[in-house]
Amino acid sequence: MDLRRSMLFIPGNNPGMLQNGGVFGADSVILDLEDAVAPMEKDAARFLVAQVLRTVDYGVSETVVRINPLDTFAAVDIKAIVPCCPDAILVPKVESAADIHQVAAMIAAAEKPEQTPVKIIALLETPCGIVEAYHIAKADPRVVALALGAEDYTAGLGAMRTKEGTEIFTARTIVINAAAAANVQSIDTPYTDANDEEGLLADTQLAKRLGFKGKLSINPRQIDVIHTVFNPSLNDIDWAQQVIHAIRKAEAEGSGVASLNGKMVDLPIVNRAERILHLAELLGLMGGEK
């Protein structure tokens, strides 16, 4: 399981932020060639991001490049960026499985023979993209996650974005369900008020309760809050350990079902406990580690 609790956008035309992107502690850094870059700066930003991928060490952060949409500069972006070995490409405004097929073919053509295959994260930000979410997630083995882009999506609906997010509830649950059915991750839309930490906390807690596995971020200051929400708590870890102990004891006694504090422990509960413990282990939270 790849950690994508936080995915931080970094403008592809900002040399300072690109140079220091690894110090922010995000699980993924998204080097942005799309919205953050004006049309007349696209060529320069593409060259800069390619150079950065070859020379900057982002440590444990996954490197993701958001390319431009398929009907603009996607082909030239992929041809320039993929040989520089990013971990993944974030494809904006995906609306169909055919879009993913097209991107996957361009990536395959651009990859070097010895290169680790570049993954695809599909950014769903139109009503058509939400409708096709499951087929997009299943379109190619390179797809590892679906992400929701709520600003363009609500513009497509003709709805106003609100702090409460009522207008994107349906889209959120569709993305989460499609991703789970396709066995890929679901990543929530960014919280766009970088000065509202309380609002970010509430929005991230809601995203986790709904089932998202991570959240897009537009500012490094948001990362700690997002990680705090998505990290398993000590109570979560303790509960998960008790579940595994109970089911192992039951299995040793010849039963596939156990009981913990009066509640039945069956396979779905065990799976949830195992996911918590796996995440805790990845984060070094087991056995009193930090």
Foldseek 3Di string as FASTA:
>chain_A
DQAQAEEEEDELVDLVCLQVVLVLPGQAYEHELEPSDDPVCNVVSLVSVLVSLQPHDSDNHQYEYEDYAPVPCLLVSLLSRLCSAGQEYEHEQDQALVSVVVNQVSSVVNYDPVGDRHAYEYEHQAPSCLVHQLRNCQSDPSYAEYEYADPSHCVNVVHDQDLVRPVCPVSLLSRQVSCVVSVHAYEYHEDPPPVCQVSLLVVLLVSVVSPHSHYYYHDSVSRVSSCVNNQDDPVLLVVLVVLVVQQVVQVVVPDQWGDDPRHIRHDVNNVVSVVNVVRCVVVLNPPPGD
